[in-house]
Amino acid sequence: MCPRLNRVDDYVMKSKLILVIDDEPEIRSLLSRFLGRKGYSVMSAGTLEEGRKLFNNSSPELVFLDVNLPDGNGLSELKHINSGDKKFKVIMMSAFDHSEVKLEAIQYGALDFLSKPFNIARLDQVVQTQLINSNNTK
């Protein structure tokens, strides 16, 4: 591949903003470091309220949203943000691996569901699928 294309791809990746909403500082830190090393801009929030403010004041390309937050339920938030005409790219996360929760998340428009603790290879696959491959369809 031509080096010029690699620079363009790097620029496209770096221009993508990802929002992480999780009450666990370790998860926010892990995702921020991992995604930052991949070249993405990352914002993070520890509560739904803080996450809503960041979401409404920016245009994240992808949102990682925890199911259980101290001030609300991530599934309810997912249902709310995807209730309009525009559907947002949201990956739901939970430490609890319940198939009913996963099914509900998909029904509300989640593109994927990650169980904590993360498998880094799976995390990388999800990001690649949702962001990098989406460049090829535009």
N, C-alpha and C. Protein backbone atom coordinates (compact mmCIF):
# COMPACT_ATOMS: atom_id res chain seq x y z
N MET A 1 0.83 -1.17 0.00
CA MET A 1 0.00 0.00 0.00
C MET A 1 0.88 1.24 0.00
N CYS A 2 0.44 2.24 -0.65
CA CYS A 2 1.16 3.50 -0.77
C CYS A 2 1.22 4.21 0.59
N PRO A 3 2.39 4.77 0.99
CA PRO A 3 2.51 5.48 2.26
C PRO A 3 1.52 6.63 2.41
N ARG A 4 1.21 7.29 1.30
CA ARG A 4 0.26 8.41 1.37
C ARG A 4 -1.11 7.93 1.86
N LEU A 5 -1.57 6.77 1.41
CA LEU A 5 -2.84 6.23 1.87
C LEU A 5 -2.80 5.92 3.36
N ASN A 6 -1.66 5.44 3.85
CA ASN A 6 -1.55 5.16 5.27
C ASN A 6 -1.71 6.44 6.09
N ARG A 7 -1.12 7.53 5.63
CA ARG A 7 -1.26 8.79 6.34
C ARG A 7 -2.71 9.27 6.33
N VAL A 8 -3.39 9.09 5.20
CA VAL A 8 -4.80 9.47 5.12
C VAL A 8 -5.62 8.60 6.08
N ASP A 9 -5.37 7.30 6.10
CA ASP A 9 -6.08 6.42 7.02
C ASP A 9 -5.82 6.82 8.46
N ASP A 10 -4.58 7.16 8.80
CA ASP A 10 -4.26 7.60 10.15
C ASP A 10 -5.02 8.87 10.50
N TYR A 11 -5.11 9.80 9.56
CA TYR A 11 -5.83 11.04 9.81
C TYR A 11 -7.31 10.76 10.05
N VAL A 12 -7.89 9.90 9.23
CA VAL A 12 -9.31 9.56 9.38
C VAL A 12 -9.54 8.94 10.75
N MET A 13 -8.66 8.02 11.19
CA MET A 13 -8.81 7.40 12.49
C MET A 13 -8.69 8.43 13.60
N LYS A 14 -7.70 9.32 13.54
CA LYS A 14 -7.48 10.28 14.60
C LYS A 14 -8.62 11.28 14.70
N SER A 15 -9.34 11.48 13.61
CA SER A 15 -10.44 12.43 13.65
C SER A 15 -11.68 11.81 14.29
N LYS A 16 -11.66 10.53 14.57
CA LYS A 16 -12.82 9.86 15.15
C LYS A 16 -12.80 9.98 16.67
N LEU A 17 -13.94 10.39 17.21
CA LEU A 17 -14.08 10.59 18.64
C LEU A 17 -14.89 9.45 19.24
N ILE A 18 -14.39 8.89 20.33
CA ILE A 18 -15.08 7.80 21.03
C ILE A 18 -15.39 8.27 22.44
N LEU A 19 -16.61 7.99 22.88
CA LEU A 19 -17.04 8.32 24.23
C LEU A 19 -17.19 7.03 25.03
N VAL A 20 -16.58 6.99 26.21
CA VAL A 20 -16.66 5.85 27.12
C VAL A 20 -17.44 6.29 28.35
N ILE A 21 -18.54 5.60 28.65
CA ILE A 21 -19.34 5.90 29.84
C ILE A 21 -19.35 4.65 30.71
N ASP A 22 -18.59 4.72 31.80
CA ASP A 22 -18.47 3.59 32.72
C ASP A 22 -18.09 4.12 34.09
N ASP A 23 -18.67 3.57 35.14
CA ASP A 23 -18.39 4.05 36.49
C ASP A 23 -17.09 3.51 37.07
N GLU A 24 -16.48 2.55 36.42
CA GLU A 24 -15.22 1.98 36.91
C GLU A 24 -14.04 2.72 36.29
N PRO A 25 -13.25 3.43 37.13
CA PRO A 25 -12.10 4.18 36.61
C PRO A 25 -11.12 3.29 35.85
N GLU A 26 -10.95 2.05 36.28
CA GLU A 26 -10.01 1.14 35.61
C GLU A 26 -10.47 0.83 34.18
N ILE A 27 -11.77 0.65 33.99
CA ILE A 27 -12.30 0.37 32.65
C ILE A 27 -12.14 1.60 31.76
N ARG A 28 -12.48 2.77 32.30
CA ARG A 28 -12.31 4.01 31.51
C ARG A 28 -10.85 4.19 31.12
N SER A 29 -9.95 3.94 32.05
CA SER A 29 -8.52 4.09 31.78
C SER A 29 -8.05 3.08 30.74
N LEU A 30 -8.46 1.83 30.88
CA LEU A 30 -8.07 0.78 29.93
C LEU A 30 -8.53 1.12 28.53
N LEU A 31 -9.80 1.49 28.40
CA LEU A 31 -10.33 1.82 27.08
C LEU A 31 -9.67 3.08 26.51
N SER A 32 -9.48 4.08 27.35
CA SER A 32 -8.84 5.32 26.88
C SER A 32 -7.43 5.07 26.38
N ARG A 33 -6.66 4.30 27.14
CA ARG A 33 -5.28 3.99 26.71
C ARG A 33 -5.28 3.15 25.44
N PHE A 34 -6.08 2.11 25.40
CA PHE A 34 -6.12 1.22 24.24
C PHE A 34 -6.54 1.98 22.98
N LEU A 35 -7.63 2.73 23.08
CA LEU A 35 -8.14 3.46 21.91
C LEU A 35 -7.22 4.61 21.53
N GLY A 36 -6.62 5.26 22.52
CA GLY A 36 -5.66 6.32 22.24
C GLY A 36 -4.46 5.81 21.47
N ARG A 37 -3.95 4.63 21.86
CA ARG A 37 -2.82 4.03 21.13
C ARG A 37 -3.21 3.66 19.71
N LYS A 38 -4.49 3.41 19.49
CA LYS A 38 -4.97 3.10 18.14
C LYS A 38 -5.17 4.36 17.31
N GLY A 39 -5.02 5.54 17.95
CA GLY A 39 -5.12 6.79 17.21
C GLY A 39 -6.44 7.51 17.33
N TYR A 40 -7.33 7.05 18.20
CA TYR A 40 -8.62 7.70 18.35
C TYR A 40 -8.57 8.76 19.45
N SER A 41 -9.45 9.75 19.35
CA SER A 41 -9.65 10.70 20.43
C SER A 41 -10.71 10.09 21.36
N VAL A 42 -10.45 10.17 22.67
CA VAL A 42 -11.34 9.52 23.62
C VAL A 42 -11.76 10.49 24.71
N MET A 43 -13.05 10.51 25.00
CA MET A 43 -13.60 11.22 26.15
C MET A 43 -14.22 10.16 27.05
N SER A 44 -14.21 10.42 28.37
CA SER A 44 -14.82 9.43 29.25
C SER A 44 -15.63 10.10 30.34
N ALA A 45 -16.62 9.35 30.82
CA ALA A 45 -17.52 9.83 31.87
C ALA A 45 -17.78 8.68 32.84
N GLY A 46 -17.96 9.03 34.12
CA GLY A 46 -18.22 8.03 35.14
C GLY A 46 -19.68 7.87 35.51
N THR A 47 -20.53 8.76 34.97
CA THR A 47 -21.96 8.69 35.25
C THR A 47 -22.74 8.95 33.97
N LEU A 48 -24.03 8.59 33.99
CA LEU A 48 -24.88 8.88 32.84
C LEU A 48 -25.02 10.39 32.63
N GLU A 49 -25.18 11.12 33.71
CA GLU A 49 -25.34 12.57 33.59
C GLU A 49 -24.13 13.20 32.90
N GLU A 50 -22.95 12.84 33.36
CA GLU A 50 -21.73 13.37 32.74
C GLU A 50 -21.62 12.89 31.29
N GLY A 51 -21.96 11.63 31.04
CA GLY A 51 -21.92 11.08 29.69
C GLY A 51 -22.88 11.78 28.75
N ARG A 52 -24.09 12.09 29.24
CA ARG A 52 -25.07 12.81 28.42
C ARG A 52 -24.54 14.17 28.00
N LYS A 53 -23.92 14.88 28.94
CA LYS A 53 -23.37 16.20 28.63
C LYS A 53 -22.30 16.10 27.54
N LEU A 54 -21.39 15.14 27.68
CA LEU A 54 -20.34 14.96 26.67
C LEU A 54 -20.94 14.55 25.33
N PHE A 55 -21.91 13.66 25.37
CA PHE A 55 -22.57 13.17 24.15
C PHE A 55 -23.26 14.32 23.43
N ASN A 56 -23.99 15.14 24.18
CA ASN A 56 -24.75 16.24 23.58
C ASN A 56 -23.88 17.38 23.09
N ASN A 57 -22.69 17.54 23.67
CA ASN A 57 -21.80 18.64 23.29
C ASN A 57 -20.74 18.24 22.27
N SER A 58 -20.77 17.01 21.84
CA SER A 58 -19.80 16.53 20.85
C SER A 58 -20.52 15.59 19.90
N SER A 59 -19.79 15.09 18.97
CA SER A 59 -20.38 14.13 18.03
C SER A 59 -19.54 12.87 18.01
N PRO A 60 -19.67 12.04 19.05
CA PRO A 60 -18.84 10.83 19.05
C PRO A 60 -19.22 9.88 17.93
N GLU A 61 -18.23 9.30 17.34
CA GLU A 61 -18.42 8.32 16.28
C GLU A 61 -18.89 6.99 16.86
N LEU A 62 -18.47 6.73 18.11
CA LEU A 62 -18.79 5.47 18.77
C LEU A 62 -18.89 5.73 20.27
N VAL A 63 -19.83 5.03 20.92
CA VAL A 63 -20.00 5.15 22.36
C VAL A 63 -19.89 3.76 22.98
N PHE A 64 -19.06 3.65 24.01
CA PHE A 64 -19.02 2.46 24.85
C PHE A 64 -19.83 2.81 26.09
N LEU A 65 -20.91 2.06 26.36
CA LEU A 65 -21.84 2.40 27.42
C LEU A 65 -22.05 1.20 28.35
N ASP A 66 -21.77 1.42 29.63
CA ASP A 66 -21.97 0.38 30.64
C ASP A 66 -23.46 0.23 30.93
N VAL A 67 -23.87 -0.98 31.25
CA VAL A 67 -25.27 -1.25 31.56
C VAL A 67 -25.63 -0.69 32.94
N ASN A 68 -24.80 -0.95 33.93
CA ASN A 68 -25.10 -0.55 35.31
C ASN A 68 -24.25 0.64 35.73
N LEU A 69 -24.90 1.78 35.89
CA LEU A 69 -24.22 3.01 36.30
C LEU A 69 -24.87 3.52 37.59
N PRO A 70 -24.13 4.29 38.38
CA PRO A 70 -24.65 4.72 39.68
C PRO A 70 -25.91 5.59 39.59
N ASP A 71 -26.08 6.30 38.49
CA ASP A 71 -27.23 7.20 38.37
C ASP A 71 -28.22 6.77 37.30
N GLY A 72 -28.17 5.50 36.89
CA GLY A 72 -29.15 5.04 35.92
C GLY A 72 -28.73 3.77 35.21
N ASN A 73 -29.59 3.36 34.31
CA ASN A 73 -29.40 2.13 33.57
C ASN A 73 -28.98 2.46 32.14
N GLY A 74 -27.87 1.87 31.70
CA GLY A 74 -27.37 2.12 30.36
C GLY A 74 -28.31 1.65 29.26
N LEU A 75 -29.07 0.58 29.51
CA LEU A 75 -30.03 0.11 28.51
C LEU A 75 -31.13 1.14 28.28
N SER A 76 -31.59 1.76 29.36
CA SER A 76 -32.61 2.82 29.21
C SER A 76 -32.05 3.99 28.43
N GLU A 77 -30.79 4.33 28.70
CA GLU A 77 -30.14 5.43 27.98
C GLU A 77 -29.99 5.08 26.50
N LEU A 78 -29.59 3.85 26.21
CA LEU A 78 -29.47 3.39 24.83
C LEU A 78 -30.81 3.52 24.11
N LYS A 79 -31.86 3.07 24.75
CA LYS A 79 -33.20 3.16 24.17
C LYS A 79 -33.55 4.62 23.88
N HIS A 80 -33.22 5.50 24.82
CA HIS A 80 -33.51 6.93 24.66
C HIS A 80 -32.74 7.55 23.49
N ILE A 81 -31.42 7.32 23.43
CA ILE A 81 -30.63 7.99 22.38
C ILE A 81 -30.90 7.42 21.00
N ASN A 82 -31.40 6.19 20.93
CA ASN A 82 -31.71 5.61 19.62
C ASN A 82 -33.20 5.65 19.29
N SER A 83 -33.96 6.47 20.03
CA SER A 83 -35.40 6.53 19.79
C SER A 83 -35.77 7.42 18.61
N GLY A 84 -34.87 8.28 18.18
CA GLY A 84 -35.16 9.18 17.06
C GLY A 84 -34.81 8.55 15.72
N ASP A 85 -34.77 9.39 14.72
CA ASP A 85 -34.45 8.93 13.37
C ASP A 85 -33.00 8.50 13.24
N LYS A 86 -32.11 9.23 13.91
CA LYS A 86 -30.68 8.91 13.80
C LYS A 86 -30.32 7.82 14.80
N LYS A 87 -29.63 6.82 14.32
CA LYS A 87 -29.16 5.73 15.18
C LYS A 87 -27.67 5.93 15.42
N PHE A 88 -27.26 5.80 16.67
CA PHE A 88 -25.88 6.02 17.04
C PHE A 88 -25.17 4.69 17.22
N LYS A 89 -23.85 4.70 16.97
CA LYS A 89 -23.04 3.50 17.14
C LYS A 89 -22.72 3.35 18.62
N VAL A 90 -23.35 2.36 19.25
CA VAL A 90 -23.17 2.14 20.68
C VAL A 90 -22.79 0.68 20.92
N ILE A 91 -21.75 0.50 21.72
CA ILE A 91 -21.33 -0.82 22.17
C ILE A 91 -21.66 -0.88 23.66
N MET A 92 -22.50 -1.81 24.05
CA MET A 92 -22.86 -1.96 25.46
C MET A 92 -21.82 -2.83 26.15
N MET A 93 -21.64 -2.58 27.46
CA MET A 93 -20.67 -3.34 28.26
C MET A 93 -21.31 -3.71 29.59
N SER A 94 -20.91 -4.85 30.13
CA SER A 94 -21.38 -5.24 31.45
C SER A 94 -20.47 -6.30 32.05
N ALA A 95 -20.37 -6.27 33.37
CA ALA A 95 -19.65 -7.32 34.09
C ALA A 95 -20.52 -8.55 34.24
N PHE A 96 -21.81 -8.37 34.02
CA PHE A 96 -22.76 -9.49 34.13
C PHE A 96 -23.09 -9.99 32.73
N ASP A 97 -22.86 -11.25 32.51
CA ASP A 97 -23.00 -11.84 31.18
C ASP A 97 -24.34 -12.57 31.07
N HIS A 98 -25.43 -11.79 31.00
CA HIS A 98 -26.77 -12.36 30.89
C HIS A 98 -27.25 -12.25 29.46
N SER A 99 -27.71 -13.35 28.90
CA SER A 99 -28.16 -13.34 27.51
C SER A 99 -29.38 -12.43 27.33
N GLU A 100 -30.24 -12.31 28.37
CA GLU A 100 -31.41 -11.44 28.24
C GLU A 100 -30.98 -9.98 28.08
N VAL A 101 -29.96 -9.58 28.82
CA VAL A 101 -29.46 -8.21 28.75
C VAL A 101 -28.85 -7.96 27.37
N LYS A 102 -28.08 -8.92 26.88
CA LYS A 102 -27.49 -8.78 25.54
C LYS A 102 -28.58 -8.64 24.48
N LEU A 103 -29.60 -9.48 24.55
CA LEU A 103 -30.69 -9.44 23.58
C LEU A 103 -31.42 -8.09 23.64
N GLU A 104 -31.68 -7.60 24.85
CA GLU A 104 -32.33 -6.31 25.01
C GLU A 104 -31.48 -5.19 24.43
N ALA A 105 -30.18 -5.25 24.66
CA ALA A 105 -29.27 -4.24 24.13
C ALA A 105 -29.32 -4.22 22.60
N ILE A 106 -29.31 -5.37 21.99
CA ILE A 106 -29.36 -5.45 20.52
C ILE A 106 -30.71 -4.93 20.02
N GLN A 107 -31.79 -5.27 20.72
CA GLN A 107 -33.12 -4.79 20.33
C GLN A 107 -33.19 -3.26 20.39
N TYR A 108 -32.50 -2.64 21.33
CA TYR A 108 -32.50 -1.19 21.47
C TYR A 108 -31.49 -0.51 20.55
N GLY A 109 -30.77 -1.28 19.76
CA GLY A 109 -29.89 -0.68 18.76
C GLY A 109 -28.40 -0.78 19.03
N ALA A 110 -27.99 -1.49 20.08
CA ALA A 110 -26.55 -1.67 20.30
C ALA A 110 -25.97 -2.48 19.15
N LEU A 111 -24.79 -2.10 18.72
CA LEU A 111 -24.14 -2.81 17.63
C LEU A 111 -23.42 -4.06 18.11
N ASP A 112 -23.06 -4.06 19.39
CA ASP A 112 -22.36 -5.21 19.97
C ASP A 112 -22.46 -5.13 21.48
N PHE A 113 -22.00 -6.18 22.14
CA PHE A 113 -22.05 -6.26 23.60
C PHE A 113 -20.74 -6.88 24.07
N LEU A 114 -20.04 -6.17 24.95
CA LEU A 114 -18.78 -6.68 25.49
C LEU A 114 -18.95 -7.03 26.96
N SER A 115 -18.47 -8.21 27.32
CA SER A 115 -18.48 -8.63 28.71
C SER A 115 -17.16 -8.25 29.36
N LYS A 116 -17.25 -7.76 30.61
CA LYS A 116 -16.05 -7.43 31.37
C LYS A 116 -15.66 -8.65 32.19
N PRO A 117 -14.40 -8.90 32.38
CA PRO A 117 -13.25 -8.16 31.85
C PRO A 117 -13.11 -8.40 30.35
N PHE A 118 -12.53 -7.42 29.66
CA PHE A 118 -12.42 -7.48 28.22
C PHE A 118 -11.35 -8.44 27.75
N ASN A 119 -11.65 -9.06 26.65
CA ASN A 119 -10.64 -9.75 25.87
C ASN A 119 -10.15 -8.71 24.87
N ILE A 120 -8.88 -8.35 24.94
CA ILE A 120 -8.35 -7.27 24.10
C ILE A 120 -8.51 -7.57 22.61
N ALA A 121 -8.33 -8.80 22.22
CA ALA A 121 -8.51 -9.15 20.80
C ALA A 121 -9.96 -8.91 20.37
N ARG A 122 -10.90 -9.25 21.23
CA ARG A 122 -12.32 -9.03 20.93
C ARG A 122 -12.62 -7.53 20.87
N LEU A 123 -12.07 -6.77 21.82
CA LEU A 123 -12.24 -5.33 21.83
C LEU A 123 -11.72 -4.71 20.53
N ASP A 124 -10.54 -5.12 20.12
CA ASP A 124 -9.94 -4.62 18.88
C ASP A 124 -10.82 -4.97 17.68
N GLN A 125 -11.35 -6.19 17.66
CA GLN A 125 -12.22 -6.62 16.56
C GLN A 125 -13.47 -5.75 16.48
N VAL A 126 -14.08 -5.47 17.63
CA VAL A 126 -15.29 -4.66 17.66
C VAL A 126 -15.01 -3.25 17.13
N VAL A 127 -13.94 -2.65 17.59
CA VAL A 127 -13.59 -1.29 17.14
C VAL A 127 -13.31 -1.30 15.64
N GLN A 128 -12.53 -2.26 15.18
CA GLN A 128 -12.21 -2.36 13.75
C GLN A 128 -13.50 -2.48 12.92
N THR A 129 -14.39 -3.34 13.36
CA THR A 129 -15.63 -3.57 12.63
C THR A 129 -16.49 -2.31 12.58
N GLN A 130 -16.61 -1.64 13.70
CA GLN A 130 -17.53 -0.50 13.77
C GLN A 130 -16.96 0.80 13.23
N LEU A 131 -15.65 0.98 13.27
CA LEU A 131 -15.08 2.26 12.82
C LEU A 131 -14.27 2.16 11.54
N ILE A 132 -13.30 1.32 11.53
CA ILE A 132 -12.41 1.27 10.36
C ILE A 132 -13.14 0.75 9.15
N ASN A 133 -13.88 -0.33 9.29
CA ASN A 133 -14.60 -0.90 8.14
C ASN A 133 -15.72 0.01 7.67
N SER A 134 -16.25 0.87 8.56
CA SER A 134 -17.31 1.78 8.14
C SER A 134 -16.79 2.83 7.16
N ASN A 135 -15.48 3.10 7.16
CA ASN A 135 -14.90 4.03 6.19
C ASN A 135 -15.02 3.50 4.77
N ASN A 136 -15.00 2.19 4.61
CA ASN A 136 -15.06 1.59 3.29
C ASN A 136 -16.44 1.65 2.69
N THR A 137 -17.47 1.89 3.52
CA THR A 137 -18.84 1.91 3.01
C THR A 137 -19.33 3.32 2.74
N LYS A 138 -18.53 4.33 3.09
CA LYS A 138 -18.97 5.71 2.88
C LYS A 138 -18.53 6.24 1.56
